[in-house]
C-alpha atoms as a PDB file:
ATOM      1  CA  MET A   1     -15.407 -15.822  39.769  1.00  0.00           C
ATOM      2  CA  ASP A   2     -16.913 -12.127  38.786  1.00  0.00           C
ATOM      3  CA  ARG A   3     -18.973 -10.512  41.546  1.00  0.00           C
ATOM      4  CA  THR A   4     -20.554  -8.289  39.420  1.00  0.00           C
ATOM      5  CA  ALA A   5     -22.217 -11.056  37.240  1.00  0.00           C
ATOM      6  CA  ARG A   6     -23.954 -12.313  39.790  1.00  0.00           C
ATOM      7  CA  PRO A   7     -27.563 -11.214  41.026  1.00  0.00           C
ATOM      8  CA  VAL A   8     -27.125  -8.702  43.703  1.00  0.00           C
ATOM      9  CA  ARG A   9     -30.527  -8.437  45.711  1.00  0.00           C
ATOM     10  CA  THR A  10     -31.592  -6.145  48.513  1.00  0.00           C
ATOM     11  CA  PRO A  11     -34.216  -7.621  51.446  1.00  0.00           C
ATOM     12  CA  GLY A  12     -37.431  -6.370  50.978  1.00  0.00           C
ATOM     13  CA  PRO A  13     -41.069  -7.731  51.580  1.00  0.00           C
ATOM     14  CA  ASP A  14     -40.483 -10.025  49.187  1.00  0.00           C
ATOM     15  CA  HIS A  15     -37.670 -11.635  51.327  1.00  0.00           C
ATOM     16  CA  PRO A  16     -36.967  -9.877  54.273  1.00  0.00           C
ATOM     17  CA  ILE A  17     -33.775 -10.507  56.634  1.00  0.00           C
ATOM     18  CA  THR A  18     -33.429  -9.133  59.907  1.00  0.00           C
ATOM     19  CA  VAL A  19     -30.581  -9.404  62.139  1.00  0.00           C
ATOM     20  CA  GLU A  20     -30.856  -8.502  65.803  1.00  0.00           C
ATOM     21  CA  PRO A  21     -28.825  -9.576  69.200  1.00  0.00           C
ATOM     22  CA  THR A  22     -29.797 -12.696  70.583  1.00  0.00           C
ATOM     23  CA  GLY A  23     -30.143 -11.408  74.230  1.00  0.00           C
ATOM     24  CA  THR A  24     -29.109 -13.909  75.868  1.00  0.00           C
ATOM     25  CA  ARG A  25     -26.329 -16.653  76.393  1.00  0.00           C
ATOM     26  CA  VAL A  26     -25.688 -19.159  73.397  1.00  0.00           C
ATOM     27  CA  VAL A  27     -23.983 -22.543  74.300  1.00  0.00           C
ATOM     28  CA  VAL A  28     -22.782 -24.322  70.971  1.00  0.00           C
ATOM     29  CA  ARG A  29     -21.422 -27.941  71.243  1.00  0.00           C
ATOM     30  CA  ALA A  30     -20.140 -30.551  69.146  1.00  0.00           C
ATOM     31  CA  GLY A  31     -20.053 -34.202  70.517  1.00  0.00           C
ATOM     32  CA  GLY A  32     -20.572 -32.553  74.336  1.00  0.00           C
ATOM     33  CA  ARG A  33     -17.602 -30.381  73.993  1.00  0.00           C
ATOM     34  CA  VAL A  34     -18.292 -26.667  73.942  1.00  0.00           C
ATOM     35  CA  VAL A  35     -16.708 -25.251  70.993  1.00  0.00           C
ATOM     36  CA  ALA A  36     -18.852 -21.468  70.951  1.00  0.00           C
ATOM     37  CA  ASP A  37     -20.189 -19.495  74.066  1.00  0.00           C
ATOM     38  CA  THR A  38     -20.976 -15.957  73.749  1.00  0.00           C
ATOM     39  CA  SER A  39     -23.681 -13.206  74.834  1.00  0.00           C
ATOM     40  CA  ARG A  40     -23.062 -11.733  71.647  1.00  0.00           C
ATOM     41  CA  ALA A  41     -24.655 -13.436  69.335  1.00  0.00           C
ATOM     42  CA  LEU A  42     -26.750 -12.005  66.739  1.00  0.00           C
ATOM     43  CA  THR A  43     -30.084 -13.595  65.565  1.00  0.00           C
ATOM     44  CA  LEU A  44     -30.619 -13.718  61.570  1.00  0.00           C
ATOM     45  CA  ARG A  45     -34.024 -14.541  60.300  1.00  0.00           C
ATOM     46  CA  GLU A  46     -34.692 -14.870  56.778  1.00  0.00           C
ATOM     47  CA  ALA A  47     -37.674 -15.358  54.556  1.00  0.00           C
ATOM     48  CA  ASP A  48     -39.290 -18.215  55.899  1.00  0.00           C
ATOM     49  CA  TYR A  49     -36.298 -19.815  56.632  1.00  0.00           C
ATOM     50  CA  PRO A  50     -35.402 -21.032  60.121  1.00  0.00           C
ATOM     51  CA  ALA A  51     -33.933 -18.452  62.541  1.00  0.00           C
ATOM     52  CA  VAL A  52     -29.844 -18.703  62.553  1.00  0.00           C
ATOM     53  CA  GLN A  53     -27.224 -17.583  65.277  1.00  0.00           C
ATOM     54  CA  TYR A  54     -24.252 -15.987  64.349  1.00  0.00           C
ATOM     55  CA  ILE A  55     -21.744 -16.340  66.711  1.00  0.00           C
ATOM     56  CA  PRO A  56     -18.611 -13.942  67.101  1.00  0.00           C
ATOM     57  CA  LEU A  57     -15.719 -15.560  65.937  1.00  0.00           C
ATOM     58  CA  ASP A  58     -13.405 -14.503  68.615  1.00  0.00           C
ATOM     59  CA  ASP A  59     -16.163 -16.715  70.775  1.00  0.00           C
ATOM     60  CA  VAL A  60     -15.789 -19.809  69.221  1.00  0.00           C
ATOM     61  CA  ALA A  61     -12.816 -22.493  70.339  1.00  0.00           C
ATOM     62  CA  GLU A  62     -10.052 -21.807  67.472  1.00  0.00           C
ATOM     63  CA  SER A  63      -9.059 -25.354  67.730  1.00  0.00           C
ATOM     64  CA  ALA A  64     -12.800 -26.281  66.636  1.00  0.00           C
ATOM     65  CA  LEU A  65     -12.083 -24.972  63.270  1.00  0.00           C
ATOM     66  CA  ARG A  66     -10.558 -25.205  60.251  1.00  0.00           C
ATOM     67  CA  ARG A  67     -11.323 -23.273  56.920  1.00  0.00           C
ATOM     68  CA  THR A  68     -11.605 -24.621  54.165  1.00  0.00           C
ATOM     69  CA  ASP A  69     -11.614 -24.077  50.007  1.00  0.00           C
ATOM     70  CA  THR A  70     -15.699 -24.519  50.250  1.00  0.00           C
ATOM     71  CA  SER A  71     -17.257 -21.131  49.387  1.00  0.00           C
ATOM     72  CA  THR A  72     -20.779 -20.038  48.349  1.00  0.00           C
ATOM     73  CA  TYR A  73     -23.130 -17.489  46.606  1.00  0.00           C
ATOM     74  CA  CYS A  74     -26.022 -15.821  48.535  1.00  0.00           C
ATOM     75  CA  PRO A  75     -27.375 -12.659  46.504  1.00  0.00           C
ATOM     76  CA  TYR A  76     -28.674 -11.393  49.493  1.00  0.00           C
ATOM     77  CA  LYS A  77     -25.687 -11.917  51.937  1.00  0.00           C
ATOM     78  CA  GLY A  78     -22.445 -12.420  49.523  1.00  0.00           C
ATOM     79  CA  ASP A  79     -19.977 -14.968  48.770  1.00  0.00           C
ATOM     80  CA  ALA A  80     -19.712 -17.653  52.129  1.00  0.00           C
ATOM     81  CA  SER A  81     -16.878 -19.624  53.125  1.00  0.00           C
ATOM     82  CA  TYR A  82     -16.616 -22.256  55.117  1.00  0.00           C
ATOM     83  CA  TYR A  83     -14.759 -24.181  58.344  1.00  0.00           C
ATOM     84  CA  ALA A  84     -14.531 -27.692  59.088  1.00  0.00           C
ATOM     85  CA  LEU A  85     -15.800 -28.577  62.593  1.00  0.00           C
ATOM     86  CA  THR A  86     -13.178 -30.403  64.510  1.00  0.00           C
ATOM     87  CA  GLY A  87     -13.427 -32.759  67.940  1.00  0.00           C
ATOM     88  CA  ALA A  88     -13.171 -35.727  69.490  1.00  0.00           C
ATOM     89  CA  ALA A  89     -15.096 -37.463  66.954  1.00  0.00           C
ATOM     90  CA  GLY A  90     -13.070 -36.200  63.913  1.00  0.00           C
ATOM     91  CA  GLU A  91     -13.728 -33.581  61.781  1.00  0.00           C
ATOM     92  CA  VAL A  92     -17.167 -32.336  59.925  1.00  0.00           C
ATOM     93  CA  ALA A  93     -16.438 -30.881  56.537  1.00  0.00           C
ATOM     94  CA  ASP A  94     -18.264 -27.708  56.003  1.00  0.00           C
ATOM     95  CA  ALA A  95     -20.088 -27.290  59.340  1.00  0.00           C
ATOM     96  CA  VAL A  96     -19.781 -23.607  59.825  1.00  0.00           C
ATOM     97  CA  TRP A  97     -19.871 -20.885  57.441  1.00  0.00           C
ATOM     98  CA  THR A  98     -18.892 -17.355  57.448  1.00  0.00           C
ATOM     99  CA  TYR A  99     -19.604 -14.343  55.468  1.00  0.00           C
ATOM    100  CA  ASP A 100     -15.848 -12.306  55.783  1.00  0.00           C
ATOM    101  CA  LYS A 101     -17.613  -9.434  53.291  1.00  0.00           C
ATOM    102  CA  PRO A 102     -21.407  -9.298  53.897  1.00  0.00           C
ATOM    103  CA  TYR A 103     -23.361  -6.842  51.514  1.00  0.00           C
ATOM    104  CA  ASP A 104     -24.445  -3.756  53.521  1.00  0.00           C
ATOM    105  CA  ALA A 105     -27.830  -4.982  54.462  1.00  0.00           C
ATOM    106  CA  VAL A 106     -26.221  -7.693  56.597  1.00  0.00           C
ATOM    107  CA  ASP A 107     -23.065  -6.830  57.129  1.00  0.00           C
ATOM    108  CA  VAL A 108     -23.254  -6.852  60.826  1.00  0.00           C
ATOM    109  CA  ILE A 109     -22.992 -10.366  60.814  1.00  0.00           C
ATOM    110  CA  ALA A 110     -19.281  -9.924  59.546  1.00  0.00           C
ATOM    111  CA  GLY A 111     -16.857 -11.376  61.705  1.00  0.00           C
ATOM    112  CA  HIS A 112     -19.586 -14.042  63.042  1.00  0.00           C
ATOM    113  CA  VAL A 113     -19.639 -17.796  62.078  1.00  0.00           C
ATOM    114  CA  ALA A 114     -23.120 -20.043  61.918  1.00  0.00           C
ATOM    115  CA  PHE A 115     -23.534 -23.836  62.387  1.00  0.00           C
ATOM    116  CA  TYR A 116     -25.173 -26.164  60.852  1.00  0.00           C
ATOM    117  CA  PRO A 117     -27.951 -27.389  63.336  1.00  0.00           C
ATOM    118  CA  GLN A 118     -27.415 -31.251  62.363  1.00  0.00           C
ATOM    119  CA  HIS A 119     -23.513 -31.109  63.748  1.00  0.00           C
ATOM    120  CA  VAL A 120     -23.982 -29.310  67.131  1.00  0.00           C
ATOM    121  CA  GLU A 121     -26.381 -28.482  69.537  1.00  0.00           C
ATOM    122  CA  ILE A 122     -27.402 -25.022  69.889  1.00  0.00           C
ATOM    123  CA  GLU A 123     -28.706 -23.548  73.356  1.00  0.00           C
ATOM    124  CA  ILE A 124     -30.015 -20.387  73.637  1.00  0.00           C
ATOM    125  CA  GLY A 125     -30.649 -19.070  76.805  1.00  0.00           C
ATOM    126  CA  ALA A 126     -28.083 -20.842  78.845  1.00  0.00           C
ATOM    127  CA  PRO A 127     -27.358 -20.168  82.091  1.00  0.00           C
ATOM    128  CA  GLU A 128     -24.435 -18.428  83.195  1.00  0.00           C
ATOM    129  CA  PRO A 129     -21.763 -20.089  84.411  1.00  0.00           C
ATOM    130  CA  ARG A 130     -21.257 -20.448  87.935  1.00  0.00           C
ATOM    131  CA  ALA A 131     -17.910 -18.292  88.936  1.00  0.00           C
END
């Protein structure tokens, strides 16, 4: 689809978006298995939606993700692409999304993924692992 034919909106008072470092360890588990573990997560807050943790792709287990052909469009963030989440119980299609080339207002989320919370457990402020 031609990107210029779609609306592009800038966050503002009517639809605020903020992105800040989460500032603590975030662990994501699927079926009890740790699929992501990071101290570099970003918290994206958008309008009245629940806050979303964006995890650096480098901090996600490569074996847990498989890119799918699904894509969606957000006029504030751009084109999203999706991953299936794989685990011991099988695969959950399109359980993880990313913005490979997000719009300028949220460009810091490039290289990060987010998980649909109904498919994983997201622990914010997880204790550091013991050495």
